[in-house]
Amino acid sequence: VDDNLAVLGSTEAYDPSSDMWTSLASIPS
């Protein structure tokens, strides 16, 4: 959930070798 308690479908991946997050495809629901 976000600050407004809206339920999220977003997904992101953290790569420790670059210390970066990358947005990925959202989950279906």
mmCIF file of all heavy atoms, coordinates in Angstrom:
data_MODEL
# 
_entry.id   MODEL 
# 
loop_
_atom_site.group_PDB 
_atom_site.id 
_atom_site.type_symbol 
_atom_site.label_atom_id 
_atom_site.label_alt_id 
_atom_site.label_comp_id 
_atom_site.label_asym_id 
_atom_site.label_entity_id 
_atom_site.label_seq_id 
_atom_site.pdbx_PDB_ins_code 
_atom_site.Cartn_x 
_atom_site.Cartn_y 
_atom_site.Cartn_z 
_atom_site.occupancy 
_atom_site.B_iso_or_equiv 
_atom_site.pdbx_formal_charge 
_atom_site.auth_seq_id 
_atom_site.auth_comp_id 
_atom_site.auth_asym_id 
_atom_site.auth_atom_id 
_atom_site.pdbx_PDB_model_num 
ATOM 1   N N   . VAL A 1 1  ? 0.851  -1.194  0.000   1.00 0.00 ? 1  VAL A N   1 
ATOM 2   C CA  . VAL A 1 1  ? 0.000  0.000   0.000   1.00 0.00 ? 1  VAL A CA  1 
ATOM 3   C C   . VAL A 1 1  ? 0.883  1.237   0.000   1.00 0.00 ? 1  VAL A C   1 
ATOM 4   O O   . VAL A 1 1  ? 2.014  1.213   0.474   1.00 0.00 ? 1  VAL A O   1 
ATOM 5   C CB  . VAL A 1 1  ? -0.968 0.040   1.212   1.00 0.00 ? 1  VAL A CB  1 
ATOM 6   C CG1 . VAL A 1 1  ? -1.949 -1.115  1.169   1.00 0.00 ? 1  VAL A CG1 1 
ATOM 7   C CG2 . VAL A 1 1  ? -0.219 0.069   2.529   1.00 0.00 ? 1  VAL A CG2 1 
ATOM 8   N N   . ASP A 1 2  ? 0.330  2.336   -0.534  1.00 0.00 ? 2  ASP A N   1 
ATOM 9   C CA  . ASP A 1 2  ? 1.065  3.601   -0.539  1.00 0.00 ? 2  ASP A CA  1 
ATOM 10  C C   . ASP A 1 2  ? 0.610  4.468   0.635   1.00 0.00 ? 2  ASP A C   1 
ATOM 11  O O   . ASP A 1 2  ? -0.121 4.001   1.520   1.00 0.00 ? 2  ASP A O   1 
ATOM 12  C CB  . ASP A 1 2  ? 0.923  4.310   -1.887  1.00 0.00 ? 2  ASP A CB  1 
ATOM 13  C CG  . ASP A 1 2  ? -0.496 4.778   -2.186  1.00 0.00 ? 2  ASP A CG  1 
ATOM 14  O OD1 . ASP A 1 2  ? -1.372 4.769   -1.280  1.00 0.00 ? 2  ASP A OD1 1 
ATOM 15  O OD2 . ASP A 1 2  ? -0.750 5.163   -3.345  1.00 0.00 ? 2  ASP A OD2 1 
ATOM 16  N N   . ASP A 1 3  ? 0.995  5.734   0.638   1.00 0.00 ? 3  ASP A N   1 
ATOM 17  C CA  . ASP A 1 3  ? 0.633  6.657   1.722   1.00 0.00 ? 3  ASP A CA  1 
ATOM 18  C C   . ASP A 1 3  ? -0.865 6.847   1.890   1.00 0.00 ? 3  ASP A C   1 
ATOM 19  O O   . ASP A 1 3  ? -1.342 7.169   2.966   1.00 0.00 ? 3  ASP A O   1 
ATOM 20  C CB  . ASP A 1 3  ? 1.266  8.032   1.481   1.00 0.00 ? 3  ASP A CB  1 
ATOM 21  C CG  . ASP A 1 3  ? 2.610  8.157   2.144   1.00 0.00 ? 3  ASP A CG  1 
ATOM 22  O OD1 . ASP A 1 3  ? 3.022  7.241   2.868   1.00 0.00 ? 3  ASP A OD1 1 
ATOM 23  O OD2 . ASP A 1 3  ? 3.265  9.194   1.937   1.00 0.00 ? 3  ASP A OD2 1 
ATOM 24  N N   . ASN A 1 4  ? -1.623 6.678   0.807   1.00 0.00 ? 4  ASN A N   1 
ATOM 25  C CA  . ASN A 1 4  ? -3.073 6.860   0.866   1.00 0.00 ? 4  ASN A CA  1 
ATOM 26  C C   . ASN A 1 4  ? -3.806 5.538   1.098   1.00 0.00 ? 4  ASN A C   1 
ATOM 27  O O   . ASN A 1 4  ? -5.015 5.473   0.945   1.00 0.00 ? 4  ASN A O   1 
ATOM 28  C CB  . ASN A 1 4  ? -3.567 7.504   -0.432  1.00 0.00 ? 4  ASN A CB  1 
ATOM 29  C CG  . ASN A 1 4  ? -2.941 8.867   -0.635  1.00 0.00 ? 4  ASN A CG  1 
ATOM 30  O OD1 . ASN A 1 4  ? -2.895 9.671   0.287   1.00 0.00 ? 4  ASN A OD1 1 
ATOM 31  N ND2 . ASN A 1 4  ? -2.441 9.110   -1.824  1.00 0.00 ? 4  ASN A ND2 1 
ATOM 32  N N   . LEU A 1 5  ? -3.040 4.488   1.416   1.00 0.00 ? 5  LEU A N   1 
ATOM 33  C CA  . LEU A 1 5  ? -3.557 3.138   1.622   1.00 0.00 ? 5  LEU A CA  1 
ATOM 34  C C   . LEU A 1 5  ? -4.147 2.522   0.359   1.00 0.00 ? 5  LEU A C   1 
ATOM 35  O O   . LEU A 1 5  ? -4.902 1.557   0.421   1.00 0.00 ? 5  LEU A O   1 
ATOM 36  C CB  . LEU A 1 5  ? -4.562 3.082   2.777   1.00 0.00 ? 5  LEU A CB  1 
ATOM 37  C CG  . LEU A 1 5  ? -4.012 3.517   4.141   1.00 0.00 ? 5  LEU A CG  1 
ATOM 38  C CD1 . LEU A 1 5  ? -5.106 3.457   5.188   1.00 0.00 ? 5  LEU A CD1 1 
ATOM 39  C CD2 . LEU A 1 5  ? -2.826 2.652   4.542   1.00 0.00 ? 5  LEU A CD2 1 
ATOM 40  N N   . ALA A 1 6  ? -3.795 3.096   -0.807  1.00 0.00 ? 6  ALA A N   1 
ATOM 41  C CA  . ALA A 1 6  ? -4.195 2.492   -2.078  1.00 0.00 ? 6  ALA A CA  1 
ATOM 42  C C   . ALA A 1 6  ? -3.348 1.233   -2.278  1.00 0.00 ? 6  ALA A C   1 
ATOM 43  O O   . ALA A 1 6  ? -2.133 1.248   -2.073  1.00 0.00 ? 6  ALA A O   1 
ATOM 44  C CB  . ALA A 1 6  ? -3.972 3.467   -3.229  1.00 0.00 ? 6  ALA A CB  1 
ATOM 45  N N   . VAL A 1 7  ? -3.990 0.140   -2.666  1.00 0.00 ? 7  VAL A N   1 
ATOM 46  C CA  . VAL A 1 7  ? -3.295 -1.123  -2.863  1.00 0.00 ? 7  VAL A CA  1 
ATOM 47  C C   . VAL A 1 7  ? -2.541 -1.058  -4.193  1.00 0.00 ? 7  VAL A C   1 
ATOM 48  O O   . VAL A 1 7  ? -3.072 -0.619  -5.208  1.00 0.00 ? 7  VAL A O   1 
ATOM 49  C CB  . VAL A 1 7  ? -4.279 -2.307  -2.829  1.00 0.00 ? 7  VAL A CB  1 
ATOM 50  C CG1 . VAL A 1 7  ? -3.553 -3.623  -3.029  1.00 0.00 ? 7  VAL A CG1 1 
ATOM 51  C CG2 . VAL A 1 7  ? -5.025 -2.320  -1.495  1.00 0.00 ? 7  VAL A CG2 1 
ATOM 52  N N   . LEU A 1 8  ? -1.268 -1.492  -4.156  1.00 0.00 ? 8  LEU A N   1 
ATOM 53  C CA  . LEU A 1 8  ? -0.372 -1.379  -5.300  1.00 0.00 ? 8  LEU A CA  1 
ATOM 54  C C   . LEU A 1 8  ? -0.229 -2.702  -6.054  1.00 0.00 ? 8  LEU A C   1 
ATOM 55  O O   . LEU A 1 8  ? -0.305 -3.769  -5.467  1.00 0.00 ? 8  LEU A O   1 
ATOM 56  C CB  . LEU A 1 8  ? 1.018  -0.951  -4.825  1.00 0.00 ? 8  LEU A CB  1 
ATOM 57  C CG  . LEU A 1 8  ? 1.104  0.347   -4.027  1.00 0.00 ? 8  LEU A CG  1 
ATOM 58  C CD1 . LEU A 1 8  ? 2.494  0.497   -3.427  1.00 0.00 ? 8  LEU A CD1 1 
ATOM 59  C CD2 . LEU A 1 8  ? 0.756  1.528   -4.913  1.00 0.00 ? 8  LEU A CD2 1 
ATOM 60  N N   . GLY A 1 9  ? 0.064  -2.597  -7.323  1.00 0.00 ? 9  GLY A N   1 
ATOM 61  C CA  . GLY A 1 9  ? 0.417  -3.747  -8.138  1.00 0.00 ? 9  GLY A CA  1 
ATOM 62  C C   . GLY A 1 9  ? 1.843  -3.653  -8.643  1.00 0.00 ? 9  GLY A C   1 
ATOM 63  O O   . GLY A 1 9  ? 2.356  -4.567  -9.265  1.00 0.00 ? 9  GLY A O   1 
ATOM 64  N N   . SER A 1 10 ? 2.481  -2.540  -8.371  1.00 0.00 ? 10 SER A N   1 
ATOM 65  C CA  . SER A 1 10 ? 3.832  -2.305  -8.897  1.00 0.00 ? 10 SER A CA  1 
ATOM 66  C C   . SER A 1 10 ? 4.859  -3.252  -8.286  1.00 0.00 ? 10 SER A C   1 
ATOM 67  O O   . SER A 1 10 ? 4.707  -3.728  -7.165  1.00 0.00 ? 10 SER A O   1 
ATOM 68  C CB  . SER A 1 10 ? 4.253  -0.851  -8.651  1.00 0.00 ? 10 SER A CB  1 
ATOM 69  O OG  . SER A 1 10 ? 4.287  -0.572  -7.263  1.00 0.00 ? 10 SER A OG  1 
ATOM 70  N N   . THR A 1 11 ? 5.893  -3.516  -9.060  1.00 0.00 ? 11 THR A N   1 
ATOM 71  C CA  . THR A 1 11 ? 6.985  -4.397  -8.642  1.00 0.00 ? 11 THR A CA  1 
ATOM 72  C C   . THR A 1 11 ? 8.297  -3.750  -9.045  1.00 0.00 ? 11 THR A C   1 
ATOM 73  O O   . THR A 1 11 ? 8.392  -3.132  -10.105 1.00 0.00 ? 11 THR A O   1 
ATOM 74  C CB  . THR A 1 11 ? 6.869  -5.772  -9.336  1.00 0.00 ? 11 THR A CB  1 
ATOM 75  O OG1 . THR A 1 11 ? 5.632  -6.366  -8.965  1.00 0.00 ? 11 THR A OG1 1 
ATOM 76  C CG2 . THR A 1 11 ? 8.003  -6.694  -8.943  1.00 0.00 ? 11 THR A CG2 1 
ATOM 77  N N   . GLU A 1 12 ? 9.297  -3.867  -8.206  1.00 0.00 ? 12 GLU A N   1 
ATOM 78  C CA  . GLU A 1 12 ? 10.632 -3.395  -8.555  1.00 0.00 ? 12 GLU A CA  1 
ATOM 79  C C   . GLU A 1 12 ? 11.679 -4.351  -8.009  1.00 0.00 ? 12 GLU A C   1 
ATOM 80  O O   . GLU A 1 12 ? 11.420 -5.093  -7.071  1.00 0.00 ? 12 GLU A O   1 
ATOM 81  C CB  . GLU A 1 12 ? 10.870 -1.954  -8.123  1.00 0.00 ? 12 GLU A CB  1 
ATOM 82  C CG  . GLU A 1 12 ? 10.499 -1.611  -6.713  1.00 0.00 ? 12 GLU A CG  1 
ATOM 83  C CD  . GLU A 1 12 ? 10.456 -0.106  -6.493  1.00 0.00 ? 12 GLU A CD  1 
ATOM 84  O OE1 . GLU A 1 12 ? 11.401 0.605   -6.892  1.00 0.00 ? 12 GLU A OE1 1 
ATOM 85  O OE2 . GLU A 1 12 ? 9.470  0.367   -5.905  1.00 0.00 ? 12 GLU A OE2 1 
ATOM 86  N N   . ALA A 1 13 ? 12.839 -4.336  -8.647  1.00 0.00 ? 13 ALA A N   1 
ATOM 87  C CA  . ALA A 1 13 ? 13.927 -5.243  -8.270  1.00 0.00 ? 13 ALA A CA  1 
ATOM 88  C C   . ALA A 1 13 ? 15.147 -4.432  -7.875  1.00 0.00 ? 13 ALA A C   1 
ATOM 89  O O   . ALA A 1 13 ? 15.490 -3.449  -8.539  1.00 0.00 ? 13 ALA A O   1 
ATOM 90  C CB  . ALA A 1 13 ? 14.278 -6.168  -9.426  1.00 0.00 ? 13 ALA A CB  1 
ATOM 91  N N   . TYR A 1 14 ? 15.804 -4.868  -6.801  1.00 0.00 ? 14 TYR A N   1 
ATOM 92  C CA  . TYR A 1 14 ? 17.026 -4.231  -6.329  1.00 0.00 ? 14 TYR A CA  1 
ATOM 93  C C   . TYR A 1 14 ? 18.217 -5.079  -6.759  1.00 0.00 ? 14 TYR A C   1 
ATOM 94  O O   . TYR A 1 14 ? 18.241 -6.294  -6.532  1.00 0.00 ? 14 TYR A O   1 
ATOM 95  C CB  . TYR A 1 14 ? 17.012 -4.099  -4.810  1.00 0.00 ? 14 TYR A CB  1 
ATOM 96  C CG  . TYR A 1 14 ? 18.275 -3.511  -4.245  1.00 0.00 ? 14 TYR A CG  1 
ATOM 97  C CD1 . TYR A 1 14 ? 18.503 -2.140  -4.305  1.00 0.00 ? 14 TYR A CD1 1 
ATOM 98  C CD2 . TYR A 1 14 ? 19.241 -4.320  -3.668  1.00 0.00 ? 14 TYR A CD2 1 
ATOM 99  C CE1 . TYR A 1 14 ? 19.670 -1.590  -3.792  1.00 0.00 ? 14 TYR A CE1 1 
ATOM 100 C CE2 . TYR A 1 14 ? 20.413 -3.781  -3.151  1.00 0.00 ? 14 TYR A CE2 1 
ATOM 101 C CZ  . TYR A 1 14 ? 20.617 -2.417  -3.223  1.00 0.00 ? 14 TYR A CZ  1 
ATOM 102 O OH  . TYR A 1 14 ? 21.772 -1.880  -2.719  1.00 0.00 ? 14 TYR A OH  1 
ATOM 103 N N   . ASP A 1 15 ? 19.200 -4.425  -7.360  1.00 0.00 ? 15 ASP A N   1 
ATOM 104 C CA  . ASP A 1 15 ? 20.440 -5.084  -7.764  1.00 0.00 ? 15 ASP A CA  1 
ATOM 105 C C   . ASP A 1 15 ? 21.553 -4.614  -6.836  1.00 0.00 ? 15 ASP A C   1 
ATOM 106 O O   . ASP A 1 15 ? 21.974 -3.454  -6.910  1.00 0.00 ? 15 ASP A O   1 
ATOM 107 C CB  . ASP A 1 15 ? 20.771 -4.731  -9.204  1.00 0.00 ? 15 ASP A CB  1 
ATOM 108 C CG  . ASP A 1 15 ? 22.001 -5.451  -9.721  1.00 0.00 ? 15 ASP A CG  1 
ATOM 109 O OD1 . ASP A 1 15 ? 22.786 -6.003  -8.912  1.00 0.00 ? 15 ASP A OD1 1 
ATOM 110 O OD2 . ASP A 1 15 ? 22.186 -5.455  -10.947 1.00 0.00 ? 15 ASP A OD2 1 
ATOM 111 N N   . PRO A 1 16 ? 22.026 -5.471  -5.937  1.00 0.00 ? 16 PRO A N   1 
ATOM 112 C CA  . PRO A 1 16 ? 23.062 -5.060  -4.984  1.00 0.00 ? 16 PRO A CA  1 
ATOM 113 C C   . PRO A 1 16 ? 24.371 -4.627  -5.651  1.00 0.00 ? 16 PRO A C   1 
ATOM 114 O O   . PRO A 1 16 ? 25.088 -3.793  -5.117  1.00 0.00 ? 16 PRO A O   1 
ATOM 115 C CB  . PRO A 1 16 ? 23.296 -6.307  -4.135  1.00 0.00 ? 16 PRO A CB  1 
ATOM 116 C CG  . PRO A 1 16 ? 22.141 -7.187  -4.363  1.00 0.00 ? 16 PRO A CG  1 
ATOM 117 C CD  . PRO A 1 16 ? 21.595 -6.847  -5.709  1.00 0.00 ? 16 PRO A CD  1 
ATOM 118 N N   . SER A 1 17 ? 24.684 -5.173  -6.827  1.00 0.00 ? 17 SER A N   1 
ATOM 119 C CA  . SER A 1 17 ? 25.955 -4.822  -7.469  1.00 0.00 ? 17 SER A CA  1 
ATOM 120 C C   . SER A 1 17 ? 25.980 -3.381  -7.953  1.00 0.00 ? 17 SER A C   1 
ATOM 121 O O   . SER A 1 17 ? 27.042 -2.771  -8.028  1.00 0.00 ? 17 SER A O   1 
ATOM 122 C CB  . SER A 1 17 ? 26.262 -5.777  -8.624  1.00 0.00 ? 17 SER A CB  1 
ATOM 123 O OG  . SER A 1 17 ? 25.312 -5.633  -9.652  1.00 0.00 ? 17 SER A OG  1 
ATOM 124 N N   . SER A 1 18 ? 24.809 -2.820  -8.258  1.00 0.00 ? 18 SER A N   1 
ATOM 125 C CA  . SER A 1 18 ? 24.754 -1.425  -8.719  1.00 0.00 ? 18 SER A CA  1 
ATOM 126 C C   . SER A 1 18 ? 24.057 -0.506  -7.722  1.00 0.00 ? 18 SER A C   1 
ATOM 127 O O   . SER A 1 18 ? 24.011 0.708   -7.941  1.00 0.00 ? 18 SER A O   1 
ATOM 128 C CB  . SER A 1 18 ? 24.027 -1.350  -10.067 1.00 0.00 ? 18 SER A CB  1 
ATOM 129 O OG  . SER A 1 18 ? 22.681 -1.781  -9.922  1.00 0.00 ? 18 SER A OG  1 
ATOM 130 N N   . ASP A 1 19 ? 23.511 -1.056  -6.630  1.00 0.00 ? 19 ASP A N   1 
ATOM 131 C CA  . ASP A 1 19 ? 22.725 -0.302  -5.650  1.00 0.00 ? 19 ASP A CA  1 
ATOM 132 C C   . ASP A 1 19 ? 21.633 0.486   -6.368  1.00 0.00 ? 19 ASP A C   1 
ATOM 133 O O   . ASP A 1 19 ? 21.467 1.681   -6.172  1.00 0.00 ? 19 ASP A O   1 
ATOM 134 C CB  . ASP A 1 19 ? 23.615 0.632   -4.819  1.00 0.00 ? 19 ASP A CB  1 
ATOM 135 C CG  . ASP A 1 19 ? 22.859 1.319   -3.685  1.00 0.00 ? 19 ASP A CG  1 
ATOM 136 O OD1 . ASP A 1 19 ? 21.913 0.707   -3.129  1.00 0.00 ? 19 ASP A OD1 1 
ATOM 137 O OD2 . ASP A 1 19 ? 23.185 2.483   -3.366  1.00 0.00 ? 19 ASP A OD2 1 
ATOM 138 N N   . MET A 1 20 ? 20.870 -0.218  -7.217  1.00 0.00 ? 20 MET A N   1 
ATOM 139 C CA  . MET A 1 20 ? 19.798 0.429   -7.978  1.00 0.00 ? 20 MET A CA  1 
ATOM 140 C C   . MET A 1 20 ? 18.530 -0.415  -7.962  1.00 0.00 ? 20 MET A C   1 
ATOM 141 O O   . MET A 1 20 ? 18.593 -1.638  -7.966  1.00 0.00 ? 20 MET A O   1 
ATOM 142 C CB  . MET A 1 20 ? 20.216 0.641   -9.438  1.00 0.00 ? 20 MET A CB  1 
ATOM 143 C CG  . MET A 1 20 ? 21.307 1.660   -9.624  1.00 0.00 ? 20 MET A CG  1 
ATOM 144 S SD  . MET A 1 20 ? 21.725 1.887   -11.378 1.00 0.00 ? 20 MET A SD  1 
ATOM 145 C CE  . MET A 1 20 ? 20.194 2.526   -11.997 1.00 0.00 ? 20 MET A CE  1 
ATOM 146 N N   . TRP A 1 21 ? 17.397 0.276   -7.946  1.00 0.00 ? 21 TRP A N   1 
ATOM 147 C CA  . TRP A 1 21 ? 16.087 -0.346  -8.103  1.00 0.00 ? 21 TRP A CA  1 
ATOM 148 C C   . TRP A 1 21 ? 15.639 -0.159  -9.544  1.00 0.00 ? 21 TRP A C   1 
ATOM 149 O O   . TRP A 1 21 ? 15.821 0.903   -10.123 1.00 0.00 ? 21 TRP A O   1 
ATOM 150 C CB  . TRP A 1 21 ? 15.061 0.313   -7.186  1.00 0.00 ? 21 TRP A CB  1 
ATOM 151 C CG  . TRP A 1 21 ? 15.240 -0.026  -5.743  1.00 0.00 ? 21 TRP A CG  1 
ATOM 152 C CD1 . TRP A 1 21 ? 15.945 0.681   -4.811  1.00 0.00 ? 21 TRP A CD1 1 
ATOM 153 C CD2 . TRP A 1 21 ? 14.689 -1.156  -5.050  1.00 0.00 ? 21 TRP A CD2 1 
ATOM 154 N NE1 . TRP A 1 21 ? 15.875 0.062   -3.595  1.00 0.00 ? 21 TRP A NE1 1 
ATOM 155 C CE2 . TRP A 1 21 ? 15.096 -1.064  -3.709  1.00 0.00 ? 21 TRP A CE2 1 
ATOM 156 C CE3 . TRP A 1 21 ? 13.886 -2.225  -5.432  1.00 0.00 ? 21 TRP A CE3 1 
ATOM 157 C CZ2 . TRP A 1 21 ? 14.734 -2.004  -2.752  1.00 0.00 ? 21 TRP A CZ2 1 
ATOM 158 C CZ3 . TRP A 1 21 ? 13.523 -3.157  -4.480  1.00 0.00 ? 21 TRP A CZ3 1 
ATOM 159 C CH2 . TRP A 1 21 ? 13.940 -3.045  -3.155  1.00 0.00 ? 21 TRP A CH2 1 
ATOM 160 N N   . THR A 1 22 ? 15.018 -1.179  -10.121 1.00 0.00 ? 22 THR A N   1 
ATOM 161 C CA  . THR A 1 22 ? 14.478 -1.115  -11.475 1.00 0.00 ? 22 THR A CA  1 
ATOM 162 C C   . THR A 1 22 ? 13.005 -1.501  -11.426 1.00 0.00 ? 22 THR A C   1 
ATOM 163 O O   . THR A 1 22 ? 12.651 -2.530  -10.849 1.00 0.00 ? 22 THR A O   1 
ATOM 164 C CB  . THR A 1 22 ? 15.226 -2.096  -12.403 1.00 0.00 ? 22 THR A CB  1 
ATOM 165 O OG1 . THR A 1 22 ? 16.613 -1.765  -12.395 1.00 0.00 ? 22 THR A OG1 1 
ATOM 166 C CG2 . THR A 1 22 ? 14.691 -2.035  -13.818 1.00 0.00 ? 22 THR A CG2 1 
ATOM 167 N N   . SER A 1 23 ? 12.151 -0.669  -12.038 1.00 0.00 ? 23 SER A N   1 
ATOM 168 C CA  . SER A 1 23 ? 10.727 -0.988  -12.105 1.00 0.00 ? 23 SER A CA  1 
ATOM 169 C C   . SER A 1 23 ? 10.509 -2.137  -13.076 1.00 0.00 ? 23 SER A C   1 
ATOM 170 O O   . SER A 1 23 ? 11.129 -2.191  -14.142 1.00 0.00 ? 23 SER A O   1 
ATOM 171 C CB  . SER A 1 23 ? 9.929  0.234   -12.558 1.00 0.00 ? 23 SER A CB  1 
ATOM 172 O OG  . SER A 1 23 ? 9.992  1.233   -11.583 1.00 0.00 ? 23 SER A OG  1 
ATOM 173 N N   . LEU A 1 24 ? 9.615  -3.048  -12.703 1.00 0.00 ? 24 LEU A N   1 
ATOM 174 C CA  . LEU A 1 24 ? 9.275  -4.208  -13.521 1.00 0.00 ? 24 LEU A CA  1 
ATOM 175 C C   . LEU A 1 24 ? 7.781  -4.185  -13.822 1.00 0.00 ? 24 LEU A C   1 
ATOM 176 O O   . LEU A 1 24 ? 7.058  -3.316  -13.338 1.00 0.00 ? 24 LEU A O   1 
ATOM 177 C CB  . LEU A 1 24 ? 9.640  -5.495  -12.774 1.00 0.00 ? 24 LEU A CB  1 
ATOM 178 C CG  . LEU A 1 24 ? 11.095 -5.642  -12.333 1.00 0.00 ? 24 LEU A CG  1 
ATOM 179 C CD1 . LEU A 1 24 ? 11.265 -6.868  -11.467 1.00 0.00 ? 24 LEU A CD1 1 
ATOM 180 C CD2 . LEU A 1 24 ? 12.007 -5.703  -13.547 1.00 0.00 ? 24 LEU A CD2 1 
ATOM 181 N N   . ALA A 1 25 ? 7.320  -5.158  -14.586 1.00 0.00 ? 25 ALA A N   1 
ATOM 182 C CA  . ALA A 1 25 ? 5.889  -5.270  -14.865 1.00 0.00 ? 25 ALA A CA  1 
ATOM 183 C C   . ALA A 1 25 ? 5.123  -5.442  -13.556 1.00 0.00 ? 25 ALA A C   1 
ATOM 184 O O   . ALA A 1 25 ? 5.595  -6.114  -12.637 1.00 0.00 ? 25 ALA A O   1 
ATOM 185 C CB  . ALA A 1 25 ? 5.633  -6.458  -15.786 1.00 0.00 ? 25 ALA A CB  1 
ATOM 186 N N   . SER A 1 26 ? 3.957  -4.844  -13.489 1.00 0.00 ? 26 SER A N   1 
ATOM 187 C CA  . SER A 1 26 ? 3.105  -4.967  -12.306 1.00 0.00 ? 26 SER A CA  1 
ATOM 188 C C   . SER A 1 26 ? 2.539  -6.381  -12.210 1.00 0.00 ? 26 SER A C   1 
ATOM 189 O O   . SER A 1 26 ? 2.397  -7.072  -13.218 1.00 0.00 ? 26 SER A O   1 
ATOM 190 C CB  . SER A 1 26 ? 1.954  -3.967  -12.371 1.00 0.00 ? 26 SER A CB  1 
ATOM 191 O OG  . SER A 1 26 ? 2.442  -2.650  -12.286 1.00 0.00 ? 26 SER A OG  1 
ATOM 192 N N   . ILE A 1 27 ? 2.180  -6.767  -10.993 1.00 0.00 ? 27 ILE A N   1 
ATOM 193 C CA  . ILE A 1 27 ? 1.504  -8.046  -10.820 1.00 0.00 ? 27 ILE A CA  1 
ATOM 194 C C   . ILE A 1 27 ? 0.079  -7.911  -11.374 1.00 0.00 ? 27 ILE A C   1 
ATOM 195 O O   . ILE A 1 27 ? -0.458 -6.802  -11.446 1.00 0.00 ? 27 ILE A O   1 
ATOM 196 C CB  . ILE A 1 27 ? 1.520  -8.507  -9.342  1.00 0.00 ? 27 ILE A CB  1 
ATOM 197 C CG1 . ILE A 1 27 ? 0.917  -7.446  -8.411  1.00 0.00 ? 27 ILE A CG1 1 
ATOM 198 C CG2 . ILE A 1 27 ? 2.929  -8.848  -8.906  1.00 0.00 ? 27 ILE A CG2 1 
ATOM 199 C CD1 . ILE A 1 27 ? 0.820  -7.868  -6.956  1.00 0.00 ? 27 ILE A CD1 1 
ATOM 200 N N   . PRO A 1 28 ? -0.542 -9.018  -11.799 1.00 0.00 ? 28 PRO A N   1 
ATOM 201 C CA  . PRO A 1 28 ? -1.853 -8.940  -12.450 1.00 0.00 ? 28 PRO A CA  1 
ATOM 202 C C   . PRO A 1 28 ? -2.961 -8.322  -11.591 1.00 0.00 ? 28 PRO A C   1 
ATOM 203 O O   . PRO A 1 28 ? -3.854 -7.674  -12.108 1.00 0.00 ? 28 PRO A O   1 
ATOM 204 C CB  . PRO A 1 28 ? -2.191 -10.400 -12.769 1.00 0.00 ? 28 PRO A CB  1 
ATOM 205 C CG  . PRO A 1 28 ? -0.891 -11.101 -12.771 1.00 0.00 ? 28 PRO A CG  1 
ATOM 206 C CD  . PRO A 1 28 ? -0.016 -10.383 -11.805 1.00 0.00 ? 28 PRO A CD  1 
ATOM 207 N N   . SER A 1 29 ? -2.899 -8.540  -10.287 1.00 0.00 ? 29 SER A N   1 
ATOM 208 C CA  . SER A 1 29 ? -3.929 -8.027  -9.394  1.00 0.00 ? 29 SER A CA  1 
ATOM 209 C C   . SER A 1 29 ? -3.256 -7.338  -8.213  1.00 0.00 ? 29 SER A C   1 
ATOM 210 O O   . SER A 1 29 ? -2.511 -7.983  -7.472  1.00 0.00 ? 29 SER A O   1 
ATOM 211 C CB  . SER A 1 29 ? -4.789 -9.190  -8.900  1.00 0.00 ? 29 SER A CB  1 
ATOM 212 O OG  . SER A 1 29 ? -5.718 -8.751  -7.947  1.00 0.00 ? 29 SER A OG  1 
# 
